[in-house]
C-alpha atoms as a PDB file:
ATOM      1  CA  UNK A   1       3.276   4.470  -9.208  1.00  0.00           C
ATOM      2  CA  UNK A   2       0.612   3.647  -6.650  1.00  0.00           C
ATOM      3  CA  UNK A   3      -1.474   0.766  -6.893  1.00  0.00           C
ATOM      4  CA  UNK A   4      -4.659   0.730  -4.910  1.00  0.00           C
ATOM      5  CA  UNK A   5      -5.643  -1.980  -2.552  1.00  0.00           C
ATOM      6  CA  UNK A   6      -9.030  -0.280  -1.164  1.00  0.00           C
ATOM      7  CA  UNK A   7     -10.333   2.962  -1.504  1.00  0.00           C
ATOM      8  CA  UNK A   8      -8.030   4.279   1.611  1.00  0.00           C
ATOM      9  CA  UNK A   9      -5.042   2.122   0.840  1.00  0.00           C
ATOM     10  CA  UNK A  10      -2.336   1.805  -1.839  1.00  0.00           C
ATOM     11  CA  UNK A  11       0.973   0.353  -2.140  1.00  0.00           C
ATOM     12  CA  UNK A  12       4.080   1.486  -4.185  1.00  0.00           C
ATOM     13  CA  UNK A  13       7.123  -0.658  -5.385  1.00  0.00           C
ATOM     14  CA  UNK A  14      10.537   0.513  -5.481  1.00  0.00           C
ATOM     15  CA  UNK A  15      12.862  -1.766  -7.430  1.00  0.00           C
ATOM     16  CA  UNK A  16      16.602  -2.192  -6.935  1.00  0.00           C
ATOM     17  CA  UNK A  17      19.005  -4.114  -8.894  1.00  0.00           C
ATOM     18  CA  UNK A  18      18.799  -7.002  -6.233  1.00  0.00           C
ATOM     19  CA  UNK A  19      15.659  -6.388  -4.547  1.00  0.00           C
ATOM     20  CA  UNK A  20      12.038  -4.912  -4.608  1.00  0.00           C
ATOM     21  CA  UNK A  21      10.554  -3.221  -1.587  1.00  0.00           C
ATOM     22  CA  UNK A  22       7.125  -2.086  -1.029  1.00  0.00           C
ATOM     23  CA  UNK A  23       5.954   1.208   0.716  1.00  0.00           C
ATOM     24  CA  UNK A  24       1.974   1.635   1.978  1.00  0.00           C
ATOM     25  CA  UNK A  25       0.422   4.559   2.059  1.00  0.00           C
ATOM     26  CA  UNK A  26      -3.228   5.640   3.514  1.00  0.00           C
ATOM     27  CA  UNK A  27      -5.593   8.244   2.196  1.00  0.00           C
ATOM     28  CA  UNK A  28      -5.368  11.586   3.972  1.00  0.00           C
ATOM     29  CA  UNK A  29      -8.967  13.101   4.198  1.00  0.00           C
ATOM     30  CA  UNK A  30      -8.936  16.713   2.696  1.00  0.00           C
ATOM     31  CA  UNK A  31     -11.381  19.146   1.985  1.00  0.00           C
ATOM     32  CA  UNK A  32     -14.237  17.774  -0.020  1.00  0.00           C
ATOM     33  CA  UNK A  33     -13.837  20.086  -3.079  1.00  0.00           C
ATOM     34  CA  UNK A  34     -10.159  19.096  -3.542  1.00  0.00           C
ATOM     35  CA  UNK A  35     -10.095  16.709  -6.982  1.00  0.00           C
ATOM     36  CA  UNK A  36      -6.758  15.332  -6.078  1.00  0.00           C
ATOM     37  CA  UNK A  37      -6.147  12.748  -3.180  1.00  0.00           C
ATOM     38  CA  UNK A  38      -3.275  13.074  -0.888  1.00  0.00           C
ATOM     39  CA  UNK A  39      -1.562   9.945   0.387  1.00  0.00           C
ATOM     40  CA  UNK A  40       0.460   9.752   3.743  1.00  0.00           C
ATOM     41  CA  UNK A  41       3.034   6.802   3.784  1.00  0.00           C
ATOM     42  CA  UNK A  42       2.213   4.408   6.899  1.00  0.00           C
ATOM     43  CA  UNK A  43       5.358   1.977   6.496  1.00  0.00           C
ATOM     44  CA  UNK A  44       8.805   2.441   5.476  1.00  0.00           C
ATOM     45  CA  UNK A  45      10.369   0.198   2.636  1.00  0.00           C
ATOM     46  CA  UNK A  46       9.547  -3.443   3.580  1.00  0.00           C
ATOM     47  CA  UNK A  47      10.118  -6.535   1.128  1.00  0.00           C
ATOM     48  CA  UNK A  48       7.163  -8.082  -0.273  1.00  0.00           C
ATOM     49  CA  UNK A  49       6.388 -10.908   2.160  1.00  0.00           C
ATOM     50  CA  UNK A  50       6.811  -8.397   5.405  1.00  0.00           C
ATOM     51  CA  UNK A  51       4.385  -6.138   3.625  1.00  0.00           C
ATOM     52  CA  UNK A  52       1.811  -9.010   3.147  1.00  0.00           C
ATOM     53  CA  UNK A  53       2.059  -9.770   6.704  1.00  0.00           C
ATOM     54  CA  UNK A  54       1.607  -6.027   7.905  1.00  0.00           C
ATOM     55  CA  UNK A  55      -1.452  -5.673   5.619  1.00  0.00           C
ATOM     56  CA  UNK A  56      -2.808  -9.023   6.989  1.00  0.00           C
ATOM     57  CA  UNK A  57      -2.304  -8.034  10.588  1.00  0.00           C
ATOM     58  CA  UNK A  58      -3.349  -4.377  10.379  1.00  0.00           C
ATOM     59  CA  UNK A  59      -6.183  -4.500   7.838  1.00  0.00           C
ATOM     60  CA  UNK A  60      -7.750  -8.286   7.948  1.00  0.00           C
ATOM     61  CA  UNK A  61     -11.220  -7.200   7.476  1.00  0.00           C
ATOM     62  CA  UNK A  62     -10.581  -5.435   3.926  1.00  0.00           C
ATOM     63  CA  UNK A  63      -8.831  -8.478   2.672  1.00  0.00           C
ATOM     64  CA  UNK A  64      -5.957  -6.117   1.090  1.00  0.00           C
ATOM     65  CA  UNK A  65      -3.470  -8.472   1.841  1.00  0.00           C
ATOM     66  CA  UNK A  66      -4.734 -11.097  -0.897  1.00  0.00           C
ATOM     67  CA  UNK A  67      -4.976  -8.045  -3.180  1.00  0.00           C
ATOM     68  CA  UNK A  68      -1.416  -7.244  -2.328  1.00  0.00           C
ATOM     69  CA  UNK A  69      -0.173 -10.669  -3.055  1.00  0.00           C
ATOM     70  CA  UNK A  70      -2.099 -11.002  -6.315  1.00  0.00           C
ATOM     71  CA  UNK A  71       0.000  -7.536  -7.421  1.00  0.00           C
ATOM     72  CA  UNK A  72       3.075  -8.958  -6.526  1.00  0.00           C
ATOM     73  CA  UNK A  73       2.593 -12.248  -8.270  1.00  0.00           C
END
């Protein structure tokens, strides 16, 4: 299931027996008459700590890293 971090960014959790990993997605701008949002993965699977660093480094102004940490905890 996708967890929205902002209007244009979300993450998805993949659970394993001994691990949880995350993928980040970015909204693809589609035709304005389309009612469905289309998301494109912008990362591969990453542990929560690495995802937090990725978000902090690439989207600092949007404060999505703190929103991600709230989802993880």
